[in-house]
Amino acid sequence: MNRVLEYAIGIDLGGTNIKAGIVTSEGGVVYRISVPTNAHKGGEAILERLAAIVEKLQIYASEQDWEIQGVGIGSAGQVNAEAGIVMGATANLPGWAGMRLRERLNALTGLPVVIDNDANAMAYGEAWIGSGRNWRDFICVTLGTGVGGCLIIDKQPYRGRDGFAGEIGHQVIQADGHPCNCGRAGCWEQYASVTALMRIVQESGVDCTKYHNPEEVFALAREGDLQAVELVDQYSSYIAIGLANLIHLFNPQGIVIGGAVTKQGDFLLKRVRQQVYGQLLPVFRELPAETKIDIVPAALEDDGGVVGAVASYFLKKRL
């Protein structure tokens, strides 16, 4: 018997862009949009932007005779998913901390709303239909404007006491290192994010006119540009330090890497794997091949946060 598809709106809220889409109860994205966050305008403006996105997607859905059941949002920052409140946010989202997002967006749209941290949402999606679907315990890491993460235990995100677990981007990997926008210094986010890659380029002393963005760095490295290869190797080493720490702490079945860098595929991840395995304790390195902790790219790519936000919605609301 064919199951009747249900539809919900998934939103991935980042400091730079808001990605949104209509997602089915089987995880398919049937319509998607992306707009700038315009975070500099403040929290109330972001909320209004979210409401406008939901309205636009509802109009499209009604034209297709689809009934939207609810909204799932994965937001950057520290999120209390149970209370539906954004408890903390960095300078990437000014005025967003304290936003009672579930309550406010429900009032504006009339739809049930669930919220989560964006990395948790991505991990939900990968656990649902992505690279983590065959693992019960794994770590999801997002390398984008910042660095986020989520520990999945028994197919569910581990949230910690107050729901703030998973701030892996703020593990310090270099004492007295580069200042972080969280107020500390030497955080992994300042070395493993895509933003950090461009700072590494600027600080390296190379001719920066050759490297205007991360894509150009990787493209030149693929072509054999020695400086670009050195930059990618250095960047890979920083990613590896944090991943090795996580493996030693949690001994997961695997690690799923999401975010902008996943587009580089094995060109980057092969380097990362080699450097991670070289840093692990012997007991981890000597595991049989079939049980070795693997590091794989996220399967859902750019749709990961959108699908994950809806996965969270369907799981919580039992639609």
C-alpha atoms as a PDB file:
ATOM      1  CA  MET A   1       0.000   0.000   0.000  1.00  0.00           C
ATOM      2  CA  ASN A   2       1.368   3.434  -0.953  1.00  0.00           C
ATOM      3  CA  ARG A   3       1.850   5.795   1.951  1.00  0.00           C
ATOM      4  CA  VAL A   4       0.384   9.268   1.644  1.00  0.00           C
ATOM      5  CA  LEU A   5       3.106  11.894   1.537  1.00  0.00           C
ATOM      6  CA  GLU A   6       3.004  14.682   4.074  1.00  0.00           C
ATOM      7  CA  TYR A   7       4.724  18.015   3.679  1.00  0.00           C
ATOM      8  CA  ALA A   8       6.539  20.388   6.014  1.00  0.00           C
ATOM      9  CA  ILE A   9       8.773  23.416   5.617  1.00  0.00           C
ATOM     10  CA  GLY A  10      12.420  23.041   6.558  1.00  0.00           C
ATOM     11  CA  ILE A  11      14.592  26.081   7.235  1.00  0.00           C
ATOM     12  CA  ASP A  12      18.364  26.197   7.689  1.00  0.00           C
ATOM     13  CA  LEU A  13      19.234  29.554   9.270  1.00  0.00           C
ATOM     14  CA  GLY A  14      22.870  30.576   9.013  1.00  0.00           C
ATOM     15  CA  GLY A  15      24.750  33.798   9.553  1.00  0.00           C
ATOM     16  CA  THR A  16      25.097  34.384   5.808  1.00  0.00           C
ATOM     17  CA  ASN A  17      22.156  32.672   4.109  1.00  0.00           C
ATOM     18  CA  ILE A  18      18.763  31.198   4.904  1.00  0.00           C
ATOM     19  CA  LYS A  19      18.033  28.008   2.986  1.00  0.00           C
ATOM     20  CA  ALA A  20      14.480  26.728   2.995  1.00  0.00           C
ATOM     21  CA  GLY A  21      12.386  24.155   1.246  1.00  0.00           C
ATOM     22  CA  ILE A  22       9.280  22.021   1.191  1.00  0.00           C
ATOM     23  CA  VAL A  23      10.194  18.504   2.276  1.00  0.00           C
ATOM     24  CA  THR A  24       8.137  15.333   2.212  1.00  0.00           C
ATOM     25  CA  SER A  25       7.757  12.832   5.019  1.00  0.00           C
ATOM     26  CA  GLU A  26      10.156  10.585   3.067  1.00  0.00           C
ATOM     27  CA  GLY A  27      12.887  13.220   3.003  1.00  0.00           C
ATOM     28  CA  GLY A  28      12.533  14.496  -0.550  1.00  0.00           C
ATOM     29  CA  VAL A  29      12.974  18.216  -1.200  1.00  0.00           C
ATOM     30  CA  VAL A  30      10.300  19.176  -3.712  1.00  0.00           C
ATOM     31  CA  TYR A  31      10.909  22.927  -3.724  1.00  0.00           C
ATOM     32  CA  ARG A  32      13.768  25.036  -2.387  1.00  0.00           C
ATOM     33  CA  ILE A  33      14.811  28.669  -2.052  1.00  0.00           C
ATOM     34  CA  SER A  34      17.812  30.511  -0.615  1.00  0.00           C
ATOM     35  CA  VAL A  35      18.042  34.151   0.435  1.00  0.00           C
ATOM     36  CA  PRO A  36      20.627  36.274   2.265  1.00  0.00           C
ATOM     37  CA  THR A  37      20.070  36.369   6.023  1.00  0.00           C
ATOM     38  CA  ASN A  38      20.782  40.111   6.268  1.00  0.00           C
ATOM     39  CA  ALA A  39      21.734  39.383   9.847  1.00  0.00           C
ATOM     40  CA  HIS A  40      23.108  42.891  10.353  1.00  0.00           C
ATOM     41  CA  LYS A  41      19.510  44.159  10.536  1.00  0.00           C
ATOM     42  CA  GLY A  42      18.988  42.346  13.841  1.00  0.00           C
ATOM     43  CA  GLY A  43      16.843  39.637  15.376  1.00  0.00           C
ATOM     44  CA  GLU A  44      13.416  41.106  14.680  1.00  0.00           C
ATOM     45  CA  ALA A  45      14.268  41.552  11.017  1.00  0.00           C
ATOM     46  CA  ILE A  46      15.453  37.936  10.814  1.00  0.00           C
ATOM     47  CA  LEU A  47      12.186  36.773  12.359  1.00  0.00           C
ATOM     48  CA  GLU A  48      10.179  38.778   9.827  1.00  0.00           C
ATOM     49  CA  ARG A  49      12.286  37.303   7.047  1.00  0.00           C
ATOM     50  CA  LEU A  50      11.548  33.783   8.271  1.00  0.00           C
ATOM     51  CA  ALA A  51       7.814  34.516   8.383  1.00  0.00           C
ATOM     52  CA  ALA A  52       7.959  35.858   4.815  1.00  0.00           C
ATOM     53  CA  ILE A  53       9.768  32.713   3.648  1.00  0.00           C
ATOM     54  CA  VAL A  54       7.149  30.483   5.267  1.00  0.00           C
ATOM     55  CA  GLU A  55       4.384  32.498   3.619  1.00  0.00           C
ATOM     56  CA  LYS A  56       6.038  32.211   0.210  1.00  0.00           C
ATOM     57  CA  LEU A  57       6.439  28.447   0.562  1.00  0.00           C
ATOM     58  CA  GLN A  58       2.857  28.064   1.776  1.00  0.00           C
ATOM     59  CA  ILE A  59       1.597  29.886  -1.312  1.00  0.00           C
ATOM     60  CA  TYR A  60       3.629  27.623  -3.579  1.00  0.00           C
ATOM     61  CA  ALA A  61       2.431  24.528  -1.710  1.00  0.00           C
ATOM     62  CA  SER A  62      -1.217  25.542  -2.011  1.00  0.00           C
ATOM     63  CA  GLU A  63      -0.764  25.921  -5.766  1.00  0.00           C
ATOM     64  CA  GLN A  64       0.399  22.289  -5.865  1.00  0.00           C
ATOM     65  CA  ASP A  65      -2.430  21.175  -3.577  1.00  0.00           C
ATOM     66  CA  TRP A  66       0.018  20.268  -0.817  1.00  0.00           C
ATOM     67  CA  GLU A  67      -0.961  20.863   2.794  1.00  0.00           C
ATOM     68  CA  ILE A  68       1.908  22.133   4.941  1.00  0.00           C
ATOM     69  CA  GLN A  69       1.855  20.375   8.309  1.00  0.00           C
ATOM     70  CA  GLY A  70       4.393  22.494  10.133  1.00  0.00           C
ATOM     71  CA  VAL A  71       7.807  24.142  10.175  1.00  0.00           C
ATOM     72  CA  GLY A  72      11.176  22.835  11.329  1.00  0.00           C
ATOM     73  CA  ILE A  73      14.074  25.262  11.827  1.00  0.00           C
ATOM     74  CA  GLY A  74      17.746  24.592  12.365  1.00  0.00           C
ATOM     75  CA  SER A  75      19.311  27.796  13.714  1.00  0.00           C
ATOM     76  CA  ALA A  76      22.902  28.732  14.323  1.00  0.00           C
ATOM     77  CA  GLY A  77      23.611  29.383  17.994  1.00  0.00           C
ATOM     78  CA  GLN A  78      22.737  27.659  21.237  1.00  0.00           C
ATOM     79  CA  VAL A  79      19.160  26.433  21.110  1.00  0.00           C
ATOM     80  CA  ASN A  80      16.917  25.037  23.837  1.00  0.00           C
ATOM     81  CA  ALA A  81      14.859  22.763  21.594  1.00  0.00           C
ATOM     82  CA  GLU A  82      12.390  21.834  24.324  1.00  0.00           C
ATOM     83  CA  ALA A  83      11.593  25.443  25.210  1.00  0.00           C
ATOM     84  CA  GLY A  84      11.805  26.642  21.609  1.00  0.00           C
ATOM     85  CA  ILE A  85      14.193  29.467  22.503  1.00  0.00           C
ATOM     86  CA  VAL A  86      17.497  30.591  20.977  1.00  0.00           C
ATOM     87  CA  MET A  87      19.534  30.929  24.158  1.00  0.00           C
ATOM     88  CA  GLY A  88      22.769  32.197  22.675  1.00  0.00           C
ATOM     89  CA  ALA A  89      24.242  33.419  19.407  1.00  0.00           C
ATOM     90  CA  THR A  90      27.532  34.875  18.252  1.00  0.00           C
ATOM     91  CA  ALA A  91      28.125  38.143  16.431  1.00  0.00           C
ATOM     92  CA  ASN A  92      27.193  36.339  13.208  1.00  0.00           C
ATOM     93  CA  LEU A  93      23.532  36.751  14.293  1.00  0.00           C
ATOM     94  CA  PRO A  94      23.255  40.013  16.264  1.00  0.00           C
ATOM     95  CA  GLY A  95      20.112  40.363  18.341  1.00  0.00           C
ATOM     96  CA  TRP A  96      19.182  36.705  17.903  1.00  0.00           C
ATOM     97  CA  ALA A  97      20.012  35.506  21.425  1.00  0.00           C
ATOM     98  CA  GLY A  98      16.884  35.274  23.567  1.00  0.00           C
ATOM     99  CA  MET A  99      14.528  34.939  20.603  1.00  0.00           C
ATOM    100  CA  ARG A 100      11.473  32.866  21.556  1.00  0.00           C
ATOM    101  CA  LEU A 101      11.500  31.493  18.053  1.00  0.00           C
ATOM    102  CA  ARG A 102       8.927  28.717  18.289  1.00  0.00           C
ATOM    103  CA  GLU A 103       6.334  30.896  19.988  1.00  0.00           C
ATOM    104  CA  ARG A 104       6.930  33.969  17.812  1.00  0.00           C
ATOM    105  CA  LEU A 105       6.976  32.175  14.454  1.00  0.00           C
ATOM    106  CA  ASN A 106       3.927  30.122  15.380  1.00  0.00           C
ATOM    107  CA  ALA A 107       2.054  33.362  16.105  1.00  0.00           C
ATOM    108  CA  LEU A 108       3.125  34.854  12.769  1.00  0.00           C
ATOM    109  CA  THR A 109       2.385  31.802  10.603  1.00  0.00           C
ATOM    110  CA  GLY A 110      -0.269  29.811  12.452  1.00  0.00           C
ATOM    111  CA  LEU A 111       1.775  26.643  11.919  1.00  0.00           C
ATOM    112  CA  PRO A 112       3.299  24.294  14.501  1.00  0.00           C
ATOM    113  CA  VAL A 113       7.025  25.033  14.799  1.00  0.00           C
ATOM    114  CA  VAL A 114       9.958  23.043  16.134  1.00  0.00           C
ATOM    115  CA  ILE A 115      13.468  24.446  16.407  1.00  0.00           C
ATOM    116  CA  ASP A 116      16.917  23.010  16.951  1.00  0.00           C
ATOM    117  CA  ASN A 117      20.535  23.936  16.601  1.00  0.00           C
ATOM    118  CA  ASP A 118      21.533  23.848  12.912  1.00  0.00           C
ATOM    119  CA  ALA A 119      24.182  21.173  13.435  1.00  0.00           C
ATOM    120  CA  ASN A 120      21.675  18.992  15.306  1.00  0.00           C
ATOM    121  CA  ALA A 121      19.238  19.429  12.433  1.00  0.00           C
ATOM    122  CA  MET A 122      21.835  18.390   9.883  1.00  0.00           C
ATOM    123  CA  ALA A 123      22.718  15.357  11.995  1.00  0.00           C
ATOM    124  CA  TYR A 124      19.035  14.390  12.214  1.00  0.00           C
ATOM    125  CA  GLY A 125      18.875  14.429   8.429  1.00  0.00           C
ATOM    126  CA  GLU A 126      22.019  12.347   8.007  1.00  0.00           C
ATOM    127  CA  ALA A 127      20.744   9.861  10.603  1.00  0.00           C
ATOM    128  CA  TRP A 128      17.359   9.730   8.847  1.00  0.00           C
ATOM    129  CA  ILE A 129      18.271   9.232   5.183  1.00  0.00           C
ATOM    130  CA  GLY A 130      21.928  10.278   4.825  1.00  0.00           C
ATOM    131  CA  SER A 131      25.448   9.018   5.450  1.00  0.00           C
ATOM    132  CA  GLY A 132      24.704   8.109   9.066  1.00  0.00           C
ATOM    133  CA  ARG A 133      21.592   6.036   8.372  1.00  0.00           C
ATOM    134  CA  ASN A 134      23.408   2.738   9.053  1.00  0.00           C
ATOM    135  CA  TRP A 135      25.081   3.965  12.256  1.00  0.00           C
ATOM    136  CA  ARG A 136      23.485   4.247  15.668  1.00  0.00           C
ATOM    137  CA  ASP A 137      26.311   6.319  17.180  1.00  0.00           C
ATOM    138  CA  PHE A 138      28.206   8.898  15.154  1.00  0.00           C
ATOM    139  CA  ILE A 139      29.409  12.495  15.148  1.00  0.00           C
ATOM    140  CA  CYS A 140      28.231  15.052  12.646  1.00  0.00           C
ATOM    141  CA  VAL A 141      30.555  18.005  11.999  1.00  0.00           C
ATOM    142  CA  THR A 142      29.701  21.075   9.930  1.00  0.00           C
ATOM    143  CA  LEU A 143      32.492  23.170   8.444  1.00  0.00           C
ATOM    144  CA  GLY A 144      31.037  26.416   7.148  1.00  0.00           C
ATOM    145  CA  THR A 145      31.156  30.042   8.263  1.00  0.00           C
ATOM    146  CA  GLY A 146      31.723  28.521  11.697  1.00  0.00           C
ATOM    147  CA  VAL A 147      32.182  24.979  13.005  1.00  0.00           C
ATOM    148  CA  GLY A 148      29.303  23.097  14.583  1.00  0.00           C
ATOM    149  CA  GLY A 149      28.599  19.540  15.549  1.00  0.00           C
ATOM    150  CA  CYS A 150      26.288  17.001  17.036  1.00  0.00           C
ATOM    151  CA  LEU A 151      26.847  13.709  18.781  1.00  0.00           C
ATOM    152  CA  ILE A 152      24.228  11.142  17.764  1.00  0.00           C
ATOM    153  CA  ILE A 153      23.678   8.393  20.341  1.00  0.00           C
ATOM    154  CA  ASP A 154      21.185   5.657  19.575  1.00  0.00           C
ATOM    155  CA  LYS A 155      19.930   7.683  16.593  1.00  0.00           C
ATOM    156  CA  GLN A 156      19.147  10.736  18.779  1.00  0.00           C
ATOM    157  CA  PRO A 157      21.147  13.944  19.342  1.00  0.00           C
ATOM    158  CA  TYR A 158      22.900  14.157  22.694  1.00  0.00           C
ATOM    159  CA  ARG A 159      21.936  17.582  24.019  1.00  0.00           C
ATOM    160  CA  GLY A 160      23.510  17.734  27.457  1.00  0.00           C
ATOM    161  CA  ARG A 161      21.890  19.194  30.564  1.00  0.00           C
ATOM    162  CA  ASP A 162      20.628  22.445  29.059  1.00  0.00           C
ATOM    163  CA  GLY A 163      20.524  21.457  25.402  1.00  0.00           C
ATOM    164  CA  PHE A 164      23.817  23.135  24.507  1.00  0.00           C
ATOM    165  CA  ALA A 165      25.995  20.072  23.873  1.00  0.00           C
ATOM    166  CA  GLY A 166      27.791  19.881  20.551  1.00  0.00           C
ATOM    167  CA  GLU A 167      29.686  23.188  20.602  1.00  0.00           C
ATOM    168  CA  ILE A 168      32.700  21.343  19.242  1.00  0.00           C
ATOM    169  CA  GLY A 169      33.898  24.367  17.284  1.00  0.00           C
ATOM    170  CA  HIS A 170      34.885  25.960  20.578  1.00  0.00           C
ATOM    171  CA  GLN A 171      37.281  23.285  21.751  1.00  0.00           C
ATOM    172  CA  VAL A 172      40.636  25.029  22.031  1.00  0.00           C
ATOM    173  CA  ILE A 173      43.264  23.456  19.764  1.00  0.00           C
ATOM    174  CA  GLN A 174      45.931  26.137  20.103  1.00  0.00           C
ATOM    175  CA  ALA A 175      46.661  27.864  23.380  1.00  0.00           C
ATOM    176  CA  ASP A 176      46.742  31.661  23.005  1.00  0.00           C
ATOM    177  CA  GLY A 177      45.705  31.185  19.381  1.00  0.00           C
ATOM    178  CA  HIS A 178      43.615  33.346  17.091  1.00  0.00           C
ATOM    179  CA  PRO A 179      40.815  35.252  18.893  1.00  0.00           C
ATOM    180  CA  CYS A 180      37.374  33.730  18.433  1.00  0.00           C
ATOM    181  CA  ASN A 181      34.105  35.649  18.269  1.00  0.00           C
ATOM    182  CA  CYS A 182      32.938  33.612  21.279  1.00  0.00           C
ATOM    183  CA  GLY A 183      35.394  35.595  23.424  1.00  0.00           C
ATOM    184  CA  ARG A 184      38.018  32.857  23.778  1.00  0.00           C
ATOM    185  CA  ALA A 185      41.155  32.244  21.730  1.00  0.00           C
ATOM    186  CA  GLY A 186      42.493  29.280  19.791  1.00  0.00           C
ATOM    187  CA  CYS A 187      39.087  27.689  19.138  1.00  0.00           C
ATOM    188  CA  TRP A 188      38.871  24.986  16.469  1.00  0.00           C
ATOM    189  CA  GLU A 189      36.398  27.181  14.592  1.00  0.00           C
ATOM    190  CA  GLN A 190      39.186  29.681  13.982  1.00  0.00           C
ATOM    191  CA  TYR A 191      41.228  27.032  12.165  1.00  0.00           C
ATOM    192  CA  ALA A 192      38.786  24.588  10.569  1.00  0.00           C
ATOM    193  CA  SER A 193      35.968  26.806   9.269  1.00  0.00           C
ATOM    194  CA  VAL A 194      35.810  27.969   5.657  1.00  0.00           C
ATOM    195  CA  THR A 195      36.248  31.502   6.970  1.00  0.00           C
ATOM    196  CA  ALA A 196      39.432  30.395   8.714  1.00  0.00           C
ATOM    197  CA  LEU A 197      40.839  28.977   5.482  1.00  0.00           C
ATOM    198  CA  MET A 198      40.898  32.441   3.926  1.00  0.00           C
ATOM    199  CA  ARG A 199      42.552  33.902   7.018  1.00  0.00           C
ATOM    200  CA  ILE A 200      45.186  31.164   6.783  1.00  0.00           C
ATOM    201  CA  VAL A 201      45.794  32.239   3.186  1.00  0.00           C
ATOM    202  CA  GLN A 202      46.202  35.891   4.206  1.00  0.00           C
ATOM    203  CA  GLU A 203      48.571  35.036   7.062  1.00  0.00           C
ATOM    204  CA  SER A 204      50.707  32.680   4.992  1.00  0.00           C
ATOM    205  CA  GLY A 205      52.479  35.429   3.076  1.00  0.00           C
ATOM    206  CA  VAL A 206      51.503  34.054  -0.343  1.00  0.00           C
ATOM    207  CA  ASP A 207      50.281  36.220  -3.196  1.00  0.00           C
ATOM    208  CA  CYS A 208      46.667  36.636  -2.093  1.00  0.00           C
ATOM    209  CA  THR A 209      45.623  37.938  -5.504  1.00  0.00           C
ATOM    210  CA  LYS A 210      45.701  34.310  -6.676  1.00  0.00           C
ATOM    211  CA  TYR A 211      43.263  33.143  -4.018  1.00  0.00           C
ATOM    212  CA  HIS A 212      40.073  35.180  -3.776  1.00  0.00           C
ATOM    213  CA  ASN A 213      37.872  32.497  -2.189  1.00  0.00           C
ATOM    214  CA  PRO A 214      38.094  28.914  -0.899  1.00  0.00           C
ATOM    215  CA  GLU A 215      37.000  27.473  -4.250  1.00  0.00           C
ATOM    216  CA  GLU A 216      40.001  29.071  -5.960  1.00  0.00           C
ATOM    217  CA  VAL A 217      42.376  27.705  -3.319  1.00  0.00           C
ATOM    218  CA  PHE A 218      41.110  24.167  -3.885  1.00  0.00           C
ATOM    219  CA  ALA A 219      40.955  24.560  -7.669  1.00  0.00           C
ATOM    220  CA  LEU A 220      44.593  25.659  -7.856  1.00  0.00           C
ATOM    221  CA  ALA A 221      45.619  22.875  -5.475  1.00  0.00           C
ATOM    222  CA  ARG A 222      43.961  20.342  -7.772  1.00  0.00           C
ATOM    223  CA  GLU A 223      45.971  21.798 -10.650  1.00  0.00           C
ATOM    224  CA  GLY A 224      49.188  21.224  -8.700  1.00  0.00           C
ATOM    225  CA  ASP A 225      49.904  24.778  -7.530  1.00  0.00           C
ATOM    226  CA  LEU A 226      52.450  24.090  -4.781  1.00  0.00           C
ATOM    227  CA  GLN A 227      51.451  27.023  -2.579  1.00  0.00           C
ATOM    228  CA  ALA A 228      47.784  26.050  -2.814  1.00  0.00           C
ATOM    229  CA  VAL A 229      48.635  22.428  -1.981  1.00  0.00           C
ATOM    230  CA  GLU A 230      50.541  23.589   1.120  1.00  0.00           C
ATOM    231  CA  LEU A 231      47.575  25.722   2.192  1.00  0.00           C
ATOM    232  CA  VAL A 232      45.132  22.818   1.786  1.00  0.00           C
ATOM    233  CA  ASP A 233      47.492  20.525   3.703  1.00  0.00           C
ATOM    234  CA  GLN A 234      47.742  23.040   6.540  1.00  0.00           C
ATOM    235  CA  TYR A 235      43.967  23.471   6.603  1.00  0.00           C
ATOM    236  CA  SER A 236      43.517  19.688   6.616  1.00  0.00           C
ATOM    237  CA  SER A 237      45.861  19.365   9.574  1.00  0.00           C
ATOM    238  CA  TYR A 238      43.735  21.766  11.614  1.00  0.00           C
ATOM    239  CA  ILE A 239      40.567  19.845  10.763  1.00  0.00           C
ATOM    240  CA  ALA A 240      42.315  16.620  11.755  1.00  0.00           C
ATOM    241  CA  ILE A 241      43.330  17.878  15.211  1.00  0.00           C
ATOM    242  CA  GLY A 242      39.716  18.487  16.214  1.00  0.00           C
ATOM    243  CA  LEU A 243      38.446  15.243  14.693  1.00  0.00           C
ATOM    244  CA  ALA A 244      41.109  13.193  16.479  1.00  0.00           C
ATOM    245  CA  ASN A 245      40.074  14.827  19.769  1.00  0.00           C
ATOM    246  CA  LEU A 246      36.442  13.867  19.132  1.00  0.00           C
ATOM    247  CA  ILE A 247      37.330  10.279  18.287  1.00  0.00           C
ATOM    248  CA  HIS A 248      39.354   9.916  21.476  1.00  0.00           C
ATOM    249  CA  LEU A 249      36.491  11.358  23.522  1.00  0.00           C
ATOM    250  CA  PHE A 250      33.548   9.478  22.020  1.00  0.00           C
ATOM    251  CA  ASN A 251      34.807   6.463  20.035  1.00  0.00           C
ATOM    252  CA  PRO A 252      32.009   6.809  17.432  1.00  0.00           C
ATOM    253  CA  GLN A 253      31.149   4.396  14.633  1.00  0.00           C
ATOM    254  CA  GLY A 254      31.957   7.161  12.192  1.00  0.00           C
ATOM    255  CA  ILE A 255      32.099  10.880  11.481  1.00  0.00           C
ATOM    256  CA  VAL A 256      29.977  12.696   8.912  1.00  0.00           C
ATOM    257  CA  ILE A 257      31.429  15.947   7.564  1.00  0.00           C
ATOM    258  CA  GLY A 258      29.016  18.548   6.216  1.00  0.00           C
ATOM    259  CA  GLY A 259      29.184  22.161   5.175  1.00  0.00           C
ATOM    260  CA  ALA A 260      30.725  23.948   2.222  1.00  0.00           C
ATOM    261  CA  VAL A 261      33.908  21.875   2.144  1.00  0.00           C
ATOM    262  CA  THR A 262      32.063  18.645   1.347  1.00  0.00           C
ATOM    263  CA  LYS A 263      32.047  19.771  -2.282  1.00  0.00           C
ATOM    264  CA  GLN A 264      35.792  19.053  -2.325  1.00  0.00           C
ATOM    265  CA  GLY A 265      35.119  15.355  -1.752  1.00  0.00           C
ATOM    266  CA  ASP A 266      38.073  13.025  -1.299  1.00  0.00           C
ATOM    267  CA  PHE A 267      40.538  15.659  -2.470  1.00  0.00           C
ATOM    268  CA  LEU A 268      40.176  17.127   1.010  1.00  0.00           C
ATOM    269  CA  LEU A 269      38.842  14.190   3.039  1.00  0.00           C
ATOM    270  CA  LYS A 270      41.625  11.810   1.972  1.00  0.00           C
ATOM    271  CA  ARG A 271      44.143  14.248   3.440  1.00  0.00           C
ATOM    272  CA  VAL A 272      42.029  14.673   6.567  1.00  0.00           C
ATOM    273  CA  ARG A 273      41.686  10.914   7.091  1.00  0.00           C
ATOM    274  CA  GLN A 274      45.424  10.341   6.749  1.00  0.00           C
ATOM    275  CA  GLN A 275      46.236  13.052   9.244  1.00  0.00           C
ATOM    276  CA  VAL A 276      43.527  11.963  11.695  1.00  0.00           C
ATOM    277  CA  TYR A 277      44.613   8.326  11.683  1.00  0.00           C
ATOM    278  CA  GLY A 278      48.201   9.432  12.219  1.00  0.00           C
ATOM    279  CA  GLN A 279      47.183  11.235  15.424  1.00  0.00           C
ATOM    280  CA  LEU A 280      45.079   8.481  16.973  1.00  0.00           C
ATOM    281  CA  LEU A 281      46.123   6.220  19.809  1.00  0.00           C
ATOM    282  CA  PRO A 282      47.378   2.810  18.583  1.00  0.00           C
ATOM    283  CA  VAL A 283      44.206   1.055  19.775  1.00  0.00           C
ATOM    284  CA  PHE A 284      42.185   3.124  17.287  1.00  0.00           C
ATOM    285  CA  ARG A 285      44.667   2.802  14.426  1.00  0.00           C
ATOM    286  CA  GLU A 286      44.848  -0.974  14.759  1.00  0.00           C
ATOM    287  CA  LEU A 287      41.123  -1.640  14.458  1.00  0.00           C
ATOM    288  CA  PRO A 288      40.169  -4.152  11.736  1.00  0.00           C
ATOM    289  CA  ALA A 289      39.255  -2.489   8.448  1.00  0.00           C
ATOM    290  CA  GLU A 290      35.572  -3.380   8.812  1.00  0.00           C
ATOM    291  CA  THR A 291      35.361  -1.607  12.173  1.00  0.00           C
ATOM    292  CA  LYS A 292      37.701   1.319  11.505  1.00  0.00           C
ATOM    293  CA  ILE A 293      36.168   4.684  12.328  1.00  0.00           C
ATOM    294  CA  ASP A 294      35.344   6.162   8.940  1.00  0.00           C
ATOM    295  CA  ILE A 295      35.146   9.829   7.995  1.00  0.00           C
ATOM    296  CA  VAL A 296      32.646  10.428   5.214  1.00  0.00           C
ATOM    297  CA  PRO A 297      31.003  13.410   3.498  1.00  0.00           C
ATOM    298  CA  ALA A 298      27.405  14.283   4.283  1.00  0.00           C
ATOM    299  CA  ALA A 299      25.097  12.694   1.723  1.00  0.00           C
ATOM    300  CA  LEU A 300      22.498  15.459   1.742  1.00  0.00           C
ATOM    301  CA  GLU A 301      24.998  18.190   0.821  1.00  0.00           C
ATOM    302  CA  ASP A 302      23.303  21.601   0.522  1.00  0.00           C
ATOM    303  CA  ASP A 303      19.926  20.149   1.531  1.00  0.00           C
ATOM    304  CA  GLY A 304      21.235  18.727   4.802  1.00  0.00           C
ATOM    305  CA  GLY A 305      20.028  21.477   7.118  1.00  0.00           C
ATOM    306  CA  VAL A 306      16.651  21.815   5.395  1.00  0.00           C
ATOM    307  CA  VAL A 307      15.960  18.076   5.379  1.00  0.00           C
ATOM    308  CA  GLY A 308      17.286  17.733   8.914  1.00  0.00           C
ATOM    309  CA  ALA A 309      15.021  20.457  10.261  1.00  0.00           C
ATOM    310  CA  VAL A 310      12.041  18.592   8.811  1.00  0.00           C
ATOM    311  CA  ALA A 311      13.339  15.257  10.109  1.00  0.00           C
ATOM    312  CA  SER A 312      13.286  16.852  13.543  1.00  0.00           C
ATOM    313  CA  TYR A 313       9.734  18.056  12.929  1.00  0.00           C
ATOM    314  CA  PHE A 314       8.380  14.686  11.816  1.00  0.00           C
ATOM    315  CA  LEU A 315      10.097  12.866  14.669  1.00  0.00           C
ATOM    316  CA  LYS A 316       8.877  15.255  17.353  1.00  0.00           C
ATOM    317  CA  LYS A 317       5.338  15.705  16.084  1.00  0.00           C
ATOM    318  CA  ARG A 318       4.886  12.057  15.084  1.00  0.00           C
ATOM    319  CA  LEU A 319       3.232  13.019  11.808  1.00  0.00           C
END
